[in-house]
Amino acid sequence: MSEIIAIVGRPNVGKSTFFNRLIGEKKAIIDNISGVTRDRIYGNSHWNGKNFTVIDTGGFVKNSDDIFEKAIREQVHIAIDEADIIIFMVDVTTGITDLDEQMANILRRQSKKVFVAVNKVDNNSRMLMANEFWSLGFDNTFFLSSMNGSGSGELLDAISEFLPEPDPNEKKLEIPKISIIGQPNVGKSSLTNALIGEDRNIVTDIAGTTRDSINSYYNKFGKEFYLVDTAGIRKKAKVHENLEFYSVLRAIRAMEESDVVLLLIDASTGLESQDLSIFSLAAKRNKGIVILVNKWDLIEDKETNTARDFEKKLKNKLAPFNDVPVLFISVLEKQRIHKAMDIAIEVYENRQRKISTSKLNEIMQEEIQRIPPPSHRGKFIKIKYIMQLPMPYPSFVFFCNYPDHVKDNYKNFLRNKLREHFNFKGVPISIFFRSKN
């Protein structure tokens, strides 16, 4: 399972720049104005063969009455609490400030592994100045420049020693692992209890009842799988945004080991922005996805087309990946909950599906000849052949003469044709282009 690493520190020390370097893309906004990073940003990274999730947090300002700085401070505390490893970033050009000392005091009380990253050390003079930060009392102190990358490798080498080694001898269970994710109070624990047939999880109307992810083994009615209730949201604060932050952190943890994700949403609120964030996280991790609309029994004045219109509106929000099963259920009334598991297992089987190279080329080459890829600056792109990669999820490589010039809209066209001819419903499809003259 991917470990979570949080980057914390006061404003303008270079946290977002370092975050962007770790994930390999410019995802975090960078500016020298305090408070630019208000929302937490998540990304995937890897080093020395080990994968981990990185969180970029806002600048920590203690005891400030500013509404944004107060909200950021609460989020930083949550990140520290939930992370497995913490990178404490400071700025060599300003030396140790009062805010650095305050943050250091907080981190010293943690049992987590803390790595101090002294940033902006990009010349010999600053290398000497950086030694001041040893006085903060942390053994793992590293000098680096997040702008040009110098020193980053040494820090990541040290961090990777504390990340779990992938076990090459570990045998993968051949039964699906299905996780239930969603916002607070949508019925995740109730769904687990209803399926298992016992009060396996505590259920209340207080957001944060389920503290940890709970695994349940299911073997009934000819079906066998592991079910994970991922709620794990602490009643840490009354701020709704903080509760959502917990839900995302815990969902990330559960997703890493899951084959299929059941995204539970409330029929009365529909698909909200936080649901879309969780959906996006699952899709980026190439997990099978099923959307369950809970509390459908509470919707009044339902007409013949109410469910159809609801589903259409929902799928419009999910575009371009909208080939996702949607099922309307009631956990309280136990309506269609077993149907939900039937669909989840179908999606699991779709995710495992392998297509022979001959069949793949026979069908897809016909589609490519019918609608060839657009030319690029007078250069005609010719796709020679296609093959499926040996991955645990649908992943295909297209060999062509100009792989860098295939446009995104044509990539979406190819994905749609793969879905049209082969059943990959509920599963993201990864496609790559490689050079072949």
Protein backbone atom coordinates (compact mmCIF):
# COMPACT_ATOMS: atom_id res chain seq x y z
CA MET A 1 0.00 0.00 0.00
CA SER A 2 1.27 3.48 -0.86
CA GLU A 3 2.58 5.48 2.10
CA ILE A 4 1.50 9.10 2.56
CA ILE A 5 4.18 11.80 2.77
CA ALA A 6 3.13 15.32 3.78
CA ILE A 7 5.20 18.43 2.98
CA VAL A 8 4.69 21.05 5.70
CA GLY A 9 6.23 24.38 6.63
CA ARG A 10 5.56 28.11 6.83
CA PRO A 11 4.56 30.13 3.73
CA ASN A 12 6.95 30.72 0.81
CA VAL A 13 9.63 28.15 1.66
CA GLY A 14 9.16 26.26 -1.64
CA LYS A 15 6.80 23.41 -0.68
CA SER A 16 4.79 23.54 -3.90
CA THR A 17 7.92 23.70 -6.07
CA PHE A 18 9.28 20.60 -4.37
CA PHE A 19 5.87 18.88 -4.66
CA ASN A 20 5.80 19.55 -8.41
CA ARG A 21 9.30 18.09 -8.73
CA LEU A 22 8.31 14.92 -6.87
CA ILE A 23 5.23 14.22 -8.98
CA GLY A 24 6.88 15.29 -12.24
CA GLU A 25 4.30 17.88 -13.30
CA LYS A 26 3.32 21.47 -12.53
CA LYS A 27 0.20 20.66 -10.55
CA ALA A 28 0.57 23.07 -7.63
CA ILE A 29 0.31 26.82 -8.25
CA ILE A 30 3.55 28.58 -7.38
CA ASP A 31 3.65 32.23 -6.33
CA ASN A 32 5.55 34.31 -3.79
CA ILE A 33 2.30 35.50 -2.22
CA SER A 34 1.57 33.92 1.15
CA GLY A 35 -1.43 31.61 1.14
CA VAL A 36 -1.49 30.57 -2.52
CA THR A 37 -1.82 26.88 -1.60
CA ARG A 38 -5.08 26.80 0.33
CA ASP A 39 -6.40 23.42 -0.74
CA ARG A 40 -4.36 20.29 -0.22
CA ILE A 41 -3.01 18.84 -3.44
CA TYR A 42 -2.35 15.12 -3.87
CA GLY A 43 0.05 13.41 -6.24
CA ASN A 44 1.76 10.09 -6.88
CA SER A 45 5.51 9.65 -6.87
CA HIS A 46 8.08 6.86 -6.78
CA TRP A 47 11.73 6.46 -5.90
CA ASN A 48 14.00 3.44 -5.77
CA GLY A 49 11.17 1.19 -6.89
CA LYS A 50 8.81 2.35 -4.14
CA ASN A 51 5.57 4.24 -4.67
CA PHE A 52 4.13 6.85 -2.33
CA THR A 53 1.48 9.58 -2.20
CA VAL A 54 2.60 13.18 -1.64
CA ILE A 55 0.47 15.94 -0.10
CA ASP A 56 1.28 19.61 -0.61
CA THR A 57 -0.09 21.65 2.31
CA GLY A 58 -0.63 25.37 2.76
CA GLY A 59 1.83 27.58 4.65
CA PHE A 60 1.55 27.18 8.44
CA VAL A 61 0.90 30.39 10.40
CA LYS A 62 0.26 29.81 14.11
CA ASN A 63 -2.27 31.89 16.10
CA SER A 64 -3.35 33.98 13.10
CA ASP A 65 -6.93 35.30 13.00
CA ASP A 66 -6.93 35.48 9.20
CA ILE A 67 -9.74 33.21 7.99
CA PHE A 68 -7.62 31.55 5.29
CA GLU A 69 -4.53 31.12 7.47
CA LYS A 70 -6.72 29.62 10.21
CA ALA A 71 -8.22 27.11 7.75
CA ILE A 72 -4.76 26.26 6.38
CA ARG A 73 -3.46 25.72 9.93
CA GLU A 74 -6.21 23.19 10.63
CA GLN A 75 -5.47 21.35 7.40
CA VAL A 76 -1.74 21.18 8.20
CA HIS A 77 -2.53 19.59 11.58
CA ILE A 78 -4.66 16.99 9.80
CA ALA A 79 -1.91 16.23 7.28
CA ILE A 80 0.63 15.79 10.07
CA ASP A 81 -1.75 13.51 11.94
CA GLU A 82 -2.56 11.31 8.95
CA ALA A 83 0.80 11.14 7.15
CA ASP A 84 3.26 8.28 7.58
CA ILE A 85 6.31 10.47 6.92
CA ILE A 86 6.67 14.28 7.17
CA ILE A 87 8.96 16.56 5.18
CA PHE A 88 9.46 19.78 7.17
CA MET A 89 10.60 22.42 4.69
CA VAL A 90 12.48 25.57 5.74
CA ASP A 91 14.22 28.41 3.85
CA VAL A 92 17.98 28.97 4.14
CA THR A 93 17.70 32.59 2.92
CA THR A 94 15.71 33.68 6.00
CA GLY A 95 17.32 31.47 8.61
CA ILE A 96 15.28 29.97 11.46
CA THR A 97 12.15 32.05 12.09
CA ASP A 98 9.64 32.00 14.93
CA LEU A 99 7.19 30.11 12.67
CA ASP A 100 9.85 27.48 11.98
CA GLU A 101 10.38 27.07 15.73
CA GLN A 102 6.63 26.73 16.31
CA MET A 103 6.32 24.10 13.61
CA ALA A 104 9.38 22.26 14.96
CA ASN A 105 7.80 22.16 18.44
CA ILE A 106 4.67 20.57 16.98
CA LEU A 107 6.66 17.99 15.01
CA ARG A 108 8.86 17.03 17.96
CA ARG A 109 5.73 15.79 19.73
CA GLN A 110 4.92 13.45 16.84
CA SER A 111 5.96 9.82 16.69
CA LYS A 112 6.20 10.10 12.88
CA LYS A 113 9.51 10.17 11.03
CA VAL A 114 10.39 13.80 10.25
CA PHE A 115 12.85 14.90 7.55
CA VAL A 116 13.98 18.52 7.55
CA ALA A 117 14.49 19.88 4.02
CA VAL A 118 16.52 23.12 4.04
CA ASN A 119 15.50 24.65 0.72
CA LYS A 120 17.14 27.13 -1.67
CA VAL A 121 20.66 25.85 -0.91
CA ASP A 122 22.10 26.44 -4.37
CA ASN A 123 25.62 27.79 -3.72
CA ASN A 124 28.54 27.28 -1.33
CA SER A 125 27.69 30.32 0.78
CA ARG A 126 24.17 29.05 1.42
CA MET A 127 25.56 25.57 2.15
CA LEU A 128 27.42 27.05 5.12
CA MET A 129 24.36 29.05 6.21
CA ALA A 130 22.21 25.91 6.12
CA ASN A 131 24.13 24.33 9.01
CA GLU A 132 22.16 26.63 11.33
CA PHE A 133 19.13 24.35 10.90
CA TRP A 134 20.80 21.45 12.70
CA SER A 135 19.93 23.42 15.86
CA LEU A 136 16.25 22.49 15.34
CA GLY A 137 17.23 19.10 16.74
CA PHE A 138 16.19 16.73 13.92
CA ASP A 139 18.64 14.01 12.95
CA ASN A 140 17.40 13.76 9.38
CA THR A 141 18.30 17.19 7.97
CA PHE A 142 19.07 17.65 4.27
CA PHE A 143 20.17 20.61 2.16
CA LEU A 144 18.56 20.97 -1.27
CA SER A 145 17.15 23.26 -3.93
CA SER A 146 13.61 22.40 -5.02
CA MET A 147 14.05 24.76 -7.97
CA ASN A 148 16.98 22.97 -9.65
CA GLY A 149 16.67 19.60 -7.90
CA SER A 150 20.11 19.49 -6.28
CA GLY A 151 20.09 17.48 -3.05
CA SER A 152 16.62 16.04 -3.69
CA GLY A 153 17.99 12.59 -4.45
CA GLU A 154 19.79 12.32 -1.11
CA LEU A 155 16.58 13.23 0.76
CA LEU A 156 14.51 10.72 -1.24
CA ASP A 157 17.15 8.01 -0.74
CA ALA A 158 16.85 8.48 3.01
CA ILE A 159 13.04 8.54 2.93
CA SER A 160 12.86 5.41 0.76
CA GLU A 161 14.64 3.43 3.47
CA PHE A 162 11.55 3.88 5.64
CA LEU A 163 9.09 2.90 2.92
CA PRO A 164 7.95 -0.73 2.85
CA GLU A 165 9.73 -3.04 0.44
CA PRO A 166 7.53 -4.66 -2.21
CA ASP A 167 7.44 -8.38 -1.48
CA PRO A 168 8.32 -10.29 -4.69
CA ASN A 169 7.18 -13.57 -3.11
CA GLU A 170 3.81 -12.25 -2.04
CA LYS A 171 1.01 -14.22 -3.66
CA LYS A 172 -1.85 -12.11 -4.92
CA LEU A 173 -5.22 -13.33 -3.75
CA GLU A 174 -7.38 -14.36 -6.65
CA ILE A 175 -10.54 -12.95 -5.12
CA PRO A 176 -11.68 -9.33 -5.63
CA LYS A 177 -10.93 -6.66 -3.08
CA ILE A 178 -13.74 -4.13 -3.10
CA SER A 179 -13.63 -0.86 -1.16
CA ILE A 180 -16.56 1.36 -0.24
CA ILE A 181 -15.72 5.06 -0.37
CA GLY A 182 -17.64 8.31 -0.19
CA GLN A 183 -18.35 11.37 1.87
CA PRO A 184 -19.42 11.29 5.54
CA ASN A 185 -22.85 9.88 6.38
CA VAL A 186 -23.72 8.43 2.97
CA GLY A 187 -24.17 4.93 4.42
CA LYS A 188 -20.81 3.21 3.95
CA SER A 189 -20.79 1.31 7.25
CA SER A 190 -24.49 0.52 6.95
CA LEU A 191 -23.86 -1.03 3.53
CA THR A 192 -21.08 -3.20 4.93
CA ASN A 193 -23.31 -4.36 7.81
CA ALA A 194 -26.20 -5.10 5.46
CA LEU A 195 -24.02 -7.20 3.16
CA ILE A 196 -22.18 -9.08 5.88
CA GLY A 197 -25.43 -9.65 7.80
CA GLU A 198 -24.16 -8.45 11.15
CA ASP A 199 -23.24 -5.20 12.87
CA ARG A 200 -19.60 -5.46 11.86
CA ASN A 201 -19.16 -1.67 11.99
CA ILE A 202 -20.55 0.94 14.36
CA VAL A 203 -23.19 3.09 12.66
CA THR A 204 -24.30 6.50 13.92
CA ASP A 205 -25.29 9.79 12.33
CA ILE A 206 -22.12 11.45 13.65
CA ALA A 207 -19.53 12.10 10.96
CA GLY A 208 -16.33 10.37 12.02
CA THR A 209 -17.72 7.26 13.69
CA THR A 210 -15.59 4.86 11.63
CA ARG A 211 -12.00 5.57 12.65
CA ASP A 212 -10.10 2.98 10.60
CA SER A 213 -10.58 1.05 7.41
CA ILE A 214 -12.14 -2.32 8.25
CA ASN A 215 -11.73 -5.45 6.12
CA SER A 216 -14.56 -8.00 5.98
CA TYR A 217 -14.40 -11.37 4.23
CA TYR A 218 -17.55 -12.25 2.27
CA ASN A 219 -18.36 -15.78 1.12
CA LYS A 220 -22.09 -16.19 0.51
CA PHE A 221 -24.45 -17.02 -2.36
CA GLY A 222 -21.57 -18.22 -4.52
CA LYS A 223 -19.63 -14.96 -4.21
CA GLU A 224 -16.30 -14.46 -2.49
CA PHE A 225 -14.51 -11.15 -1.98
CA TYR A 226 -12.96 -8.81 0.56
CA LEU A 227 -15.02 -5.75 1.47
CA VAL A 228 -13.38 -2.65 2.90
CA ASP A 229 -15.36 0.05 4.72
CA THR A 230 -13.08 3.05 4.23
CA ALA A 231 -14.88 5.74 6.19
CA GLY A 232 -12.19 6.45 8.80
CA ILE A 233 -13.20 10.10 9.31
CA ARG A 234 -12.42 11.50 12.72
CA LYS A 235 -14.68 13.94 14.46
CA LYS A 236 -11.73 16.29 14.55
CA ALA A 237 -13.44 19.57 13.87
CA LYS A 238 -16.78 21.00 12.85
CA VAL A 239 -15.36 22.38 9.62
CA HIS A 240 -16.93 20.34 6.82
CA GLU A 241 -13.85 20.82 4.64
CA ASN A 242 -11.67 19.09 7.25
CA LEU A 243 -13.98 16.07 7.32
CA GLU A 244 -13.75 15.88 3.53
CA PHE A 245 -9.96 16.02 3.80
CA TYR A 246 -10.01 12.98 6.09
CA SER A 247 -12.30 11.12 3.69
CA VAL A 248 -9.89 11.69 0.80
CA LEU A 249 -6.84 10.58 2.82
CA ARG A 250 -8.55 7.39 3.94
CA ALA A 251 -9.96 6.74 0.48
CA ILE A 252 -6.43 7.00 -0.95
CA ARG A 253 -5.18 4.37 1.49
CA ALA A 254 -7.99 1.94 0.70
CA MET A 255 -7.81 2.47 -3.08
CA GLU A 256 -4.18 1.41 -3.28
CA GLU A 257 -5.01 -2.20 -2.40
CA SER A 258 -8.46 -2.40 -4.02
CA ASP A 259 -9.45 -3.82 -7.38
CA VAL A 260 -12.88 -2.17 -7.48
CA VAL A 261 -14.19 0.96 -5.77
CA LEU A 262 -17.85 1.46 -4.85
CA LEU A 263 -18.42 5.22 -4.78
CA LEU A 264 -21.44 5.80 -2.55
CA ILE A 265 -23.28 9.10 -3.02
CA ASP A 266 -26.38 10.58 -1.43
CA ALA A 267 -29.42 10.73 -3.72
CA SER A 268 -30.57 13.98 -2.10
CA THR A 269 -27.34 15.86 -2.92
CA GLY A 270 -26.21 14.13 -6.08
CA LEU A 271 -22.61 14.05 -7.30
CA GLU A 272 -20.77 16.84 -5.49
CA SER A 273 -17.30 18.24 -6.13
CA GLN A 274 -15.77 16.09 -3.39
CA ASP A 275 -17.30 12.96 -4.96
CA LEU A 276 -15.75 13.99 -8.28
CA SER A 277 -12.36 14.34 -6.57
CA ILE A 278 -12.61 10.83 -5.14
CA PHE A 279 -13.80 9.49 -8.52
CA SER A 280 -10.82 11.14 -10.21
CA LEU A 281 -8.40 9.62 -7.69
CA ALA A 282 -9.81 6.13 -8.32
CA ALA A 283 -9.68 6.58 -12.10
CA LYS A 284 -6.07 7.80 -12.01
CA ARG A 285 -5.17 4.71 -10.01
CA ASN A 286 -6.84 2.54 -12.68
CA LYS A 287 -9.36 1.01 -10.29
CA GLY A 288 -12.69 -0.40 -11.36
CA ILE A 289 -15.51 1.97 -10.36
CA VAL A 290 -19.21 1.50 -9.60
CA ILE A 291 -21.38 4.42 -8.49
CA LEU A 292 -24.11 3.61 -5.95
CA VAL A 293 -26.80 6.24 -5.39
CA ASN A 294 -27.98 5.56 -1.83
CA LYS A 295 -31.19 6.70 -0.07
CA TRP A 296 -33.12 6.54 -3.34
CA ASP A 297 -36.18 5.46 -1.30
CA LEU A 298 -36.24 8.91 0.33
CA ILE A 299 -36.63 10.77 -2.96
CA GLU A 300 -40.23 11.91 -3.23
CA ASP A 301 -42.34 12.50 -6.35
CA LYS A 302 -40.35 10.05 -8.45
CA GLU A 303 -41.61 9.69 -12.01
CA THR A 304 -40.90 7.14 -14.73
CA ASN A 305 -37.79 8.92 -16.02
CA THR A 306 -36.47 10.29 -12.71
CA ALA A 307 -33.69 7.69 -12.37
CA ARG A 308 -32.80 7.92 -16.06
CA ASP A 309 -32.50 11.72 -15.93
CA PHE A 310 -30.49 11.54 -12.69
CA GLU A 311 -28.06 9.06 -14.25
CA LYS A 312 -27.68 11.13 -17.43
CA LYS A 313 -26.89 14.27 -15.44
CA LEU A 314 -24.42 12.33 -13.29
CA LYS A 315 -22.57 10.82 -16.26
CA ASN A 316 -22.26 14.21 -17.94
CA LYS A 317 -20.18 15.28 -14.95
CA LEU A 318 -17.91 12.24 -15.32
CA ALA A 319 -17.03 12.83 -18.99
CA PRO A 320 -14.96 11.66 -20.79
CA PHE A 321 -14.82 8.53 -18.58
CA ASN A 322 -18.55 8.03 -18.17
CA ASP A 323 -18.81 4.33 -19.03
CA VAL A 324 -19.42 3.59 -15.37
CA PRO A 325 -22.23 1.46 -13.90
CA VAL A 326 -24.73 3.48 -11.84
CA LEU A 327 -27.14 1.69 -9.49
CA PHE A 328 -29.88 3.22 -7.33
CA ILE A 329 -30.03 1.53 -3.95
CA SER A 330 -31.40 1.87 -0.43
CA VAL A 331 -29.12 0.46 2.24
CA LEU A 332 -31.80 0.99 4.89
CA GLU A 333 -34.40 -1.00 2.93
CA LYS A 334 -31.71 -3.37 1.56
CA GLN A 335 -32.87 -2.63 -1.96
CA ARG A 336 -30.52 -3.80 -4.74
CA ILE A 337 -27.48 -4.07 -2.45
CA HIS A 338 -26.71 -7.61 -3.64
CA LYS A 339 -27.16 -6.45 -7.22
CA ALA A 340 -24.48 -3.87 -6.45
CA MET A 341 -22.02 -6.64 -5.58
CA ASP A 342 -22.92 -8.56 -8.77
CA ILE A 343 -22.01 -5.46 -10.77
CA ALA A 344 -18.80 -4.92 -8.75
CA ILE A 345 -17.65 -8.46 -9.58
CA GLU A 346 -18.49 -7.89 -13.26
CA VAL A 347 -16.33 -4.76 -13.22
CA TYR A 348 -13.55 -6.78 -11.53
CA GLU A 349 -13.74 -9.31 -14.38
CA ASN A 350 -13.69 -6.48 -16.93
CA ARG A 351 -10.53 -5.15 -15.30
CA GLN A 352 -8.88 -8.58 -15.65
CA ARG A 353 -9.89 -9.03 -19.31
CA LYS A 354 -7.12 -9.87 -21.79
CA ILE A 355 -7.51 -9.43 -25.55
CA SER A 356 -5.36 -11.41 -27.98
CA THR A 357 -3.07 -9.35 -30.20
CA SER A 358 -4.57 -10.80 -33.37
CA LYS A 359 -8.15 -9.98 -32.38
CA LEU A 360 -7.13 -6.54 -31.14
CA ASN A 361 -5.47 -5.63 -34.44
CA GLU A 362 -8.22 -7.15 -36.56
CA ILE A 363 -10.91 -4.99 -34.97
CA MET A 364 -9.01 -1.81 -34.12
CA GLN A 365 -7.15 -1.52 -37.44
CA GLU A 366 -10.50 -1.51 -39.21
CA GLU A 367 -11.62 1.42 -37.03
CA ILE A 368 -8.32 3.23 -37.61
CA GLN A 369 -8.60 2.82 -41.39
CA ARG A 370 -12.15 4.12 -41.28
CA ILE A 371 -11.13 7.19 -39.25
CA PRO A 372 -7.33 7.66 -39.38
CA PRO A 373 -5.50 9.95 -36.94
CA PRO A 374 -5.30 13.63 -37.98
CA SER A 375 -2.06 14.62 -39.68
CA HIS A 376 0.42 16.88 -37.89
CA ARG A 377 2.02 19.68 -39.94
CA GLY A 378 1.66 17.66 -43.12
CA LYS A 379 2.97 14.46 -41.54
CA PHE A 380 0.60 11.51 -41.80
CA ILE A 381 0.43 9.32 -38.70
CA LYS A 382 0.25 5.60 -39.42
CA ILE A 383 -0.53 3.18 -36.59
CA LYS A 384 1.21 -0.11 -37.44
CA TYR A 385 -0.12 -2.47 -34.77
CA ILE A 386 -1.55 -2.66 -31.25
CA MET A 387 -0.94 -4.94 -28.31
CA GLN A 388 -2.15 -5.20 -24.72
CA LEU A 389 0.47 -4.74 -22.03
CA PRO A 390 0.88 -7.27 -19.17
CA MET A 391 -0.63 -4.97 -16.55
CA PRO A 392 -3.23 -5.68 -13.82
CA TYR A 393 -5.61 -3.27 -15.59
CA PRO A 394 -6.49 -2.63 -19.27
CA SER A 395 -3.44 -1.03 -20.83
CA PHE A 396 -2.64 -0.89 -24.55
CA VAL A 397 0.28 0.30 -26.64
CA PHE A 398 -0.13 1.64 -30.19
CA PHE A 399 2.99 1.53 -32.36
CA CYS A 400 3.17 4.31 -34.93
CA ASN A 401 5.60 6.54 -36.84
CA TYR A 402 4.93 9.81 -34.94
CA PRO A 403 3.83 8.84 -31.39
CA ASP A 404 4.29 12.35 -29.97
CA HIS A 405 1.86 13.92 -32.44
CA VAL A 406 -1.28 11.88 -31.70
CA LYS A 407 -3.89 14.35 -30.43
CA ASP A 408 -5.87 13.84 -27.22
CA ASN A 409 -9.23 13.77 -29.01
CA TYR A 410 -8.02 10.88 -31.16
CA LYS A 411 -6.77 9.07 -28.05
CA ASN A 412 -10.28 9.40 -26.61
CA PHE A 413 -11.66 8.05 -29.90
CA LEU A 414 -9.46 4.94 -29.56
CA ARG A 415 -10.49 4.45 -25.94
CA ASN A 416 -14.16 4.67 -26.92
CA LYS A 417 -13.66 2.09 -29.68
CA LEU A 418 -11.93 -0.27 -27.26
CA ARG A 419 -14.95 0.08 -24.97
CA GLU A 420 -17.35 -0.38 -27.86
CA HIS A 421 -15.83 -3.65 -29.06
CA PHE A 422 -14.59 -5.13 -25.78
CA ASN A 423 -16.38 -4.98 -22.46
CA PHE A 424 -14.39 -2.64 -20.21
CA LYS A 425 -17.38 -1.05 -18.52
CA GLY A 426 -16.45 0.61 -15.24
CA VAL A 427 -12.69 0.39 -15.83
CA PRO A 428 -10.28 3.17 -16.90
CA ILE A 429 -8.25 2.33 -20.02
CA SER A 430 -4.61 3.39 -20.34
CA ILE A 431 -3.17 3.80 -23.82
CA PHE A 432 0.41 4.57 -24.85
CA PHE A 433 2.08 5.38 -28.16
CA ARG A 434 5.53 4.08 -29.10
CA SER A 435 7.71 4.69 -32.11
CA LYS A 436 7.67 2.12 -34.92
CA ASN A 437 8.82 3.15 -38.39
